[in-house]
Protein backbone atom coordinates (compact mmCIF):
# COMPACT_ATOMS: atom_id res chain seq x y z
CA UNK A 1 10.57 0.95 -7.67
CA UNK A 2 13.81 2.54 -6.37
CA UNK A 3 12.94 6.03 -7.55
CA UNK A 4 9.44 5.76 -5.68
CA UNK A 5 10.81 4.28 -2.50
CA UNK A 6 13.55 6.98 -2.12
CA UNK A 7 11.70 9.95 -3.15
CA UNK A 8 11.61 12.88 -0.86
CA UNK A 9 14.19 11.10 1.48
CA UNK A 10 17.17 11.26 -0.71
CA UNK A 11 18.81 14.00 -2.85
CA UNK A 12 19.79 13.84 -6.52
CA UNK A 13 23.21 12.35 -5.36
CA UNK A 14 21.51 9.62 -3.36
CA UNK A 15 22.39 11.20 -0.05
CA UNK A 16 19.80 11.46 2.94
CA UNK A 17 17.64 14.58 2.58
CA UNK A 18 15.15 16.08 4.99
CA UNK A 19 14.15 18.77 2.49
CA UNK A 20 10.50 17.58 2.55
CA UNK A 21 10.21 16.48 6.27
CA UNK A 22 7.17 17.60 7.96
CA UNK A 23 7.30 15.45 10.85
CA UNK A 24 8.86 12.63 12.98
CA UNK A 25 6.98 11.93 15.87
CA UNK A 26 5.95 9.44 18.68
CA UNK A 27 2.94 11.61 19.72
CA UNK A 28 -0.47 10.92 18.37
CA UNK A 29 -1.65 14.54 18.71
CA UNK A 30 1.13 15.87 16.54
CA UNK A 31 0.74 13.00 14.19
CA UNK A 32 -2.84 13.61 13.66
CA UNK A 33 -2.43 17.37 13.31
CA UNK A 34 -0.20 16.81 10.18
CA UNK A 35 -2.56 14.30 9.01
CA UNK A 36 -5.37 16.56 9.11
CA UNK A 37 -3.39 19.23 7.22
CA UNK A 38 -1.92 16.80 4.43
CA UNK A 39 -4.86 14.50 3.93
CA UNK A 40 -8.25 15.14 5.73
CA UNK A 41 -9.71 14.67 9.17
CA UNK A 42 -10.04 11.15 10.20
CA UNK A 43 -10.00 8.65 13.17
CA UNK A 44 -7.10 6.55 13.90
CA UNK A 45 -6.84 3.66 16.33
CA UNK A 46 -3.62 1.58 17.02
CA UNK A 47 -4.43 -2.08 16.10
CA UNK A 48 -1.63 -3.88 17.96
CA UNK A 49 0.04 -4.21 21.41
CA UNK A 50 2.33 -1.23 20.55
CA UNK A 51 0.27 1.79 21.44
CA UNK A 52 2.75 4.68 20.69
CA UNK A 53 3.37 5.65 17.04
CA UNK A 54 6.60 6.07 15.30
CA UNK A 55 5.37 8.06 12.50
CA UNK A 56 7.33 9.96 9.74
CA UNK A 57 5.81 12.32 7.16
CA UNK A 58 7.51 13.90 4.13
CA UNK A 59 5.27 15.81 1.59
CA UNK A 60 5.45 17.96 -1.68
CA UNK A 61 2.92 20.00 -3.87
CA UNK A 62 2.34 18.88 -7.51
CA UNK A 63 -0.28 21.28 -8.59
CA UNK A 64 -3.37 20.46 -6.72
CA UNK A 65 -2.12 17.10 -5.73
CA UNK A 66 -0.01 16.56 -2.42
CA UNK A 67 2.35 13.66 -2.82
CA UNK A 68 3.46 12.22 0.64
CA UNK A 69 5.41 9.42 2.07
CA UNK A 70 3.99 8.13 5.27
CA UNK A 71 3.91 5.52 7.95
CA UNK A 72 2.66 5.36 11.55
CA UNK A 73 5.26 2.88 12.47
CA UNK A 74 2.72 0.68 14.33
CA UNK A 75 -0.48 -1.30 13.03
CA UNK A 76 -3.44 1.01 12.83
CA UNK A 77 -7.16 1.04 11.88
CA UNK A 78 -8.36 4.24 9.99
CA UNK A 79 -11.91 5.33 9.77
CA UNK A 80 -14.25 8.34 9.85
CA UNK A 81 -12.75 10.23 6.87
CA UNK A 82 -14.39 13.49 6.42
CA UNK A 83 -16.52 13.96 3.27
CA UNK A 84 -16.56 17.73 4.04
CA UNK A 85 -12.94 18.05 3.13
CA UNK A 86 -13.73 17.43 -0.50
CA UNK A 87 -10.72 15.37 -1.11
CA UNK A 88 -9.67 11.85 -1.95
CA UNK A 89 -6.57 9.73 -1.94
CA UNK A 90 -4.49 7.28 -3.83
CA UNK A 91 -2.48 4.86 -1.62
CA UNK A 92 0.32 3.22 -3.20
CA UNK A 93 1.91 0.49 -0.95
CA UNK A 94 5.99 0.54 -0.77
CA UNK A 95 6.21 -1.79 2.35
CA UNK A 96 3.95 -3.85 4.32
CA UNK A 97 0.20 -4.38 3.48
CA UNK A 98 -2.89 -2.42 3.83
CA UNK A 99 -6.61 -3.90 3.78
CA UNK A 100 -9.01 -1.24 2.18
CA UNK A 101 -12.60 -1.97 3.34
CA UNK A 102 -15.59 -1.38 0.92
CA UNK A 103 -18.30 -2.73 3.13
CA UNK A 104 -18.80 -4.93 6.35
CA UNK A 105 -17.50 -7.99 4.45
CA UNK A 106 -15.77 -6.79 1.05
CA UNK A 107 -12.08 -5.67 1.06
CA UNK A 108 -9.23 -5.30 -1.03
CA UNK A 109 -5.59 -5.93 -0.03
CA UNK A 110 -2.55 -4.03 -1.57
CA UNK A 111 1.00 -5.26 -1.20
CA UNK A 112 4.05 -3.58 -2.40
CA UNK A 113 3.67 -1.86 -5.93
CA UNK A 114 -0.08 -2.06 -5.66
CA UNK A 115 -2.45 0.95 -5.24
CA UNK A 116 -5.88 1.92 -4.09
CA UNK A 117 -8.09 4.93 -5.34
CA UNK A 118 -10.96 6.47 -3.36
CA UNK A 119 -12.84 9.79 -3.45
CA UNK A 120 -13.56 10.19 0.33
CA UNK A 121 -15.96 13.14 -0.44
CA UNK A 122 -18.28 10.87 -2.33
CA UNK A 123 -18.10 7.45 -0.56
CA UNK A 124 -17.43 5.65 2.84
CA UNK A 125 -13.91 3.90 3.34
CA UNK A 126 -11.87 2.72 6.09
CA UNK A 127 -8.52 0.70 6.14
CA UNK A 128 -6.20 -1.56 8.29
CA UNK A 129 -2.55 -1.39 7.88
CA UNK A 130 0.11 -3.65 9.46
CA UNK A 131 3.10 -2.64 11.50
CA UNK A 132 5.54 -2.71 8.63
CA UNK A 133 3.22 -0.25 6.37
CA UNK A 134 4.74 2.51 4.38
CA UNK A 135 2.84 4.10 1.53
CA UNK A 136 3.28 6.90 -1.09
CA UNK A 137 -0.08 8.79 -1.08
CA UNK A 138 -1.33 11.30 -3.51
CA UNK A 139 -4.13 13.53 -1.99
CA UNK A 140 -6.39 15.33 -4.61
CA UNK A 141 -9.28 17.81 -4.52
CA UNK A 142 -12.62 16.53 -5.96
CA UNK A 143 -13.37 19.76 -7.60
CA UNK A 144 -10.12 20.06 -9.45
CA UNK A 145 -10.42 16.27 -10.61
CA UNK A 146 -14.07 17.03 -11.83
CA UNK A 147 -12.85 20.26 -13.67
CA UNK A 148 -9.98 18.04 -15.30
CA UNK A 149 -12.48 15.47 -16.45
CA UNK A 150 -14.68 18.07 -18.27
CA UNK A 151 -11.57 19.62 -19.89
CA UNK A 152 -10.09 16.24 -21.14
CA UNK A 153 -13.05 14.21 -21.71
CA UNK A 154 -15.58 17.11 -22.86
CA UNK A 155 -18.29 16.47 -20.39
CA UNK A 156 -18.93 16.34 -16.63
CA UNK A 157 -18.14 12.75 -15.10
CA UNK A 158 -20.85 10.30 -14.53
CA UNK A 159 -21.53 10.84 -10.71
CA UNK A 160 -21.56 6.94 -10.29
CA UNK A 161 -17.87 7.09 -11.31
CA UNK A 162 -16.73 9.13 -8.16
CA UNK A 163 -18.20 6.27 -5.66
CA UNK A 164 -16.04 3.64 -7.17
CA UNK A 165 -13.21 2.75 -5.13
CA UNK A 166 -10.75 0.04 -6.45
CA UNK A 167 -7.27 -1.58 -6.37
CA UNK A 168 -4.90 -1.09 -9.37
CA UNK A 169 -1.36 -1.04 -10.31
CA UNK A 170 1.26 -3.71 -9.55
CA UNK A 171 5.07 -3.72 -10.19
CA UNK A 172 4.72 -3.97 -14.01
CA UNK A 173 1.89 -1.52 -14.42
CA UNK A 174 1.72 1.71 -16.16
CA UNK A 175 0.88 3.41 -12.80
CA UNK A 176 4.21 2.35 -11.23
CA UNK A 177 6.08 3.53 -14.37
CA UNK A 178 4.22 6.90 -14.32
CA UNK A 179 4.86 7.16 -10.66
CA UNK A 180 8.54 6.35 -11.17
CA UNK A 181 8.87 9.16 -13.62
CA UNK A 182 7.18 11.65 -11.28
CA UNK A 183 9.38 10.84 -8.34
CA UNK A 184 12.58 11.07 -10.64
CA UNK A 185 11.31 14.53 -11.43
CA UNK A 186 10.93 15.38 -7.75
CA UNK A 187 14.27 14.15 -6.85
CA UNK A 188 16.26 15.83 -9.61
CA UNK A 189 14.16 19.02 -10.13
CA UNK A 190 12.23 19.56 -6.99
CA UNK A 191 11.94 23.48 -7.50
CA UNK A 192 10.59 22.97 -11.19
CA UNK A 193 8.05 20.60 -9.80
CA UNK A 194 6.85 22.90 -7.06
CA UNK A 195 6.91 26.15 -8.77
CA UNK A 196 7.37 25.69 -12.60
CA UNK A 197 5.54 24.32 -15.69
CA UNK A 198 6.90 20.80 -15.06
CA UNK A 199 4.68 20.54 -11.91
CA UNK A 200 1.64 21.63 -14.03
CA UNK A 201 2.54 18.96 -16.61
CA UNK A 202 2.96 16.34 -13.97
CA UNK A 203 -0.56 17.23 -12.44
CA UNK A 204 -2.08 16.82 -15.83
CA UNK A 205 -0.45 13.29 -16.36
CA UNK A 206 -1.45 12.06 -12.91
CA UNK A 207 -4.95 13.22 -13.17
CA UNK A 208 -5.63 12.07 -16.64
CA UNK A 209 -4.31 8.73 -15.92
CA UNK A 210 -6.48 8.23 -12.76
CA UNK A 211 -9.58 9.54 -14.45
CA UNK A 212 -9.05 7.03 -17.31
CA UNK A 213 -8.72 4.18 -14.66
CA UNK A 214 -11.94 5.53 -12.99
CA UNK A 215 -13.73 5.62 -16.25
CA UNK A 216 -13.04 2.04 -17.09
CA UNK A 217 -14.46 0.89 -13.74
CA UNK A 218 -17.92 1.90 -14.93
CA UNK A 219 -17.60 -0.66 -17.77
CA UNK A 220 -15.67 -3.39 -16.06
CA UNK A 221 -15.41 -2.95 -12.28
CA UNK A 222 -12.98 -4.92 -10.32
CA UNK A 223 -14.27 -7.23 -7.69
CA UNK A 224 -13.06 -6.51 -4.23
CA UNK A 225 -11.24 -9.36 -2.29
CA UNK A 226 -14.15 -11.22 -0.64
CA UNK A 227 -14.02 -13.33 2.40
CA UNK A 228 -16.70 -14.47 4.81
CA UNK A 229 -16.45 -13.40 8.24
CA UNK A 230 -13.92 -15.64 9.92
CA UNK A 231 -14.04 -16.82 13.48
CA UNK A 232 -11.42 -15.34 16.16
CA UNK A 233 -9.09 -18.31 16.10
CA UNK A 234 -8.57 -17.83 12.21
CA UNK A 235 -7.82 -14.20 12.64
CA UNK A 236 -5.38 -14.86 15.72
CA UNK A 237 -3.70 -17.62 13.58
CA UNK A 238 -3.25 -14.91 10.63
CA UNK A 239 -1.94 -12.24 13.13
CA UNK A 240 0.63 -14.69 14.42
CA UNK A 241 1.66 -15.40 10.51
CA UNK A 242 2.12 -11.93 9.94
CA UNK A 243 4.15 -11.42 13.15
CA UNK A 244 6.43 -14.70 12.82
CA UNK A 245 6.46 -15.48 9.06
CA UNK A 246 10.29 -15.09 9.05
CA UNK A 247 10.58 -17.72 11.64
CA UNK A 248 8.22 -20.21 9.84
CA UNK A 249 6.12 -21.31 12.69
CA UNK A 250 4.87 -24.90 12.71
CA UNK A 251 1.34 -25.84 12.55
CA UNK A 252 1.27 -26.73 16.14
CA UNK A 253 2.66 -23.26 16.89
CA UNK A 254 -0.18 -21.66 14.95
CA UNK A 255 -2.86 -23.75 16.61
CA UNK A 256 -1.30 -22.79 20.12
CA UNK A 257 -1.34 -19.00 19.15
CA UNK A 258 -5.06 -19.35 18.06
CA UNK A 259 -6.10 -21.36 21.37
CA UNK A 260 -7.51 -24.36 19.26
CA UNK A 261 -6.51 -27.75 18.18
CA UNK A 262 -4.73 -28.41 14.97
CA UNK A 263 -7.72 -30.15 13.67
CA UNK A 264 -10.03 -27.43 14.47
CA UNK A 265 -7.57 -24.66 12.91
CA UNK A 266 -7.13 -26.79 9.76
CA UNK A 267 -11.08 -27.15 9.35
CA UNK A 268 -11.63 -23.17 10.01
CA UNK A 269 -8.98 -22.34 7.48
CA UNK A 270 -10.57 -24.57 4.63
CA UNK A 271 -14.02 -23.31 5.51
CA UNK A 272 -13.21 -19.64 5.65
CA UNK A 273 -9.99 -19.06 3.54
CA UNK A 274 -10.08 -21.95 1.08
CA UNK A 275 -6.51 -23.12 2.12
CA UNK A 276 -4.92 -24.84 4.91
CA UNK A 277 -2.99 -22.64 7.61
CA UNK A 278 0.44 -23.96 6.13
CA UNK A 279 -0.55 -22.86 2.71
CA UNK A 280 -1.25 -19.30 4.18
CA UNK A 281 2.07 -19.43 5.73
CA UNK A 282 3.96 -20.44 2.60
CA UNK A 283 2.05 -17.70 0.79
CA UNK A 284 3.17 -14.86 3.42
CA UNK A 285 6.60 -16.00 3.40
CA UNK A 286 6.87 -16.01 -0.42
CA UNK A 287 5.09 -12.59 -0.50
CA UNK A 288 7.54 -11.27 2.07
CA UNK A 289 10.67 -12.29 0.20
CA UNK A 290 9.11 -10.96 -2.97
CA UNK A 291 8.47 -7.43 -1.20
CA UNK A 292 12.00 -7.14 0.02
CA UNK A 293 13.44 -8.09 -3.45
CA UNK A 294 11.29 -5.33 -5.03
CA UNK A 295 12.64 -2.89 -2.76
CA UNK A 296 16.10 -4.22 -2.03
CA UNK A 297 19.18 -1.84 -2.31
CA UNK A 298 21.72 -2.02 -4.83
CA UNK A 299 24.14 -4.92 -4.58
CA UNK A 300 21.61 -7.03 -2.79
CA UNK A 301 21.70 -10.77 -3.21
CA UNK A 302 18.73 -13.20 -3.62
CA UNK A 303 20.81 -15.65 -1.46
CA UNK A 304 20.85 -13.16 1.43
CA UNK A 305 17.28 -12.24 1.38
CA UNK A 306 15.87 -15.73 1.15
CA UNK A 307 18.26 -16.87 4.01
CA UNK A 308 17.09 -14.10 6.12
CA UNK A 309 13.51 -15.38 5.81
CA UNK A 310 14.81 -18.84 6.84
CA UNK A 311 14.93 -20.68 3.40
CA UNK A 312 18.10 -23.07 3.61
CA UNK A 313 17.34 -24.88 0.39
CA UNK A 314 17.66 -22.22 -2.33
CA UNK A 315 16.91 -24.61 -5.10
CA UNK A 316 13.41 -25.56 -3.52
CA UNK A 317 12.81 -22.01 -2.70
CA UNK A 318 13.51 -20.66 -6.11
CA UNK A 319 11.23 -23.46 -7.65
CA UNK A 320 8.37 -22.50 -5.31
CA UNK A 321 8.89 -18.63 -6.14
CA UNK A 322 8.76 -19.35 -9.87
CA UNK A 323 5.64 -21.46 -9.57
CA UNK A 324 3.93 -18.74 -7.62
CA UNK A 325 5.05 -15.54 -9.23
CA UNK A 326 5.84 -16.73 -12.80
CA UNK A 327 9.53 -15.49 -12.74
CA UNK A 328 12.60 -16.11 -10.88
CA UNK A 329 13.73 -14.42 -7.74
CA UNK A 330 16.74 -12.83 -9.60
CA UNK A 331 14.32 -11.54 -12.29
CA UNK A 332 12.36 -9.72 -9.40
CA UNK A 333 15.43 -8.40 -7.82
CA UNK A 334 16.81 -6.94 -11.21
CA UNK A 335 13.61 -5.17 -12.07
CA UNK A 336 14.11 -2.30 -9.61
């Protein structure tokens, strides 16, 4: 993940680089201008108490793809993606979390290392991103992908394929391995990627990989994360968990943030989330630690990350982590 996390913002020697920088802005109009250029026209609404963005955008061309590293710096809701632009997007989460909506009730959540694929020219889509979100995006042209499919698979794509939108990837997936290779090429040989045969080679690899995943969706589509519409006090408690997971708020604190009693909050979580509020808290904290371990800098220690999340008993933390993720924290840290 290190090659992916640092792409476009460090050079081959690991020094900070602004070669691919398009924008750093606290202005919505400027931010949306560049988003329309790199992605497509869409609507954005700040979703938290902070209304001013702190956005940053870096980008590079790889054939017909545009690879970009982007964050608004604040929680946002995005919708109204333009079908007329004829483009789609692959969003790979580097930090934070994004909720990708398929309908009024169905959604898929992506955490660090997970990706979501959608052809915005063929289907409706909207998303919610938290304050910590940072993603590596690949914007593609529908017509170019359609031509690539016919060239490699010998026939036009089934039209049903293009409307599939789905989550894929993960820290051990072939997608992350491929993306790591692409990002290393960008860091080591940016001119060859932008202007030489290497860029065309990477374009074909990325496109065929995505088309293969897309074709598989016709045979065995993934089910979106599905929840019933939850009442406001559940959503308020979940927001408090996202905002304060590091401090490990108590059940009473969660209930106060939601404006209900502990008993009411417990019952609502069991009914609408299938767990207790404290189970949701533990899940958020463990995922938070895991996310930081996956993108930690060289020389980082598990102890320091765990203590930053308020874990005093490292033995109990390590046991809970292994039970949840099937590996030790040190194994996660060592992977990047």
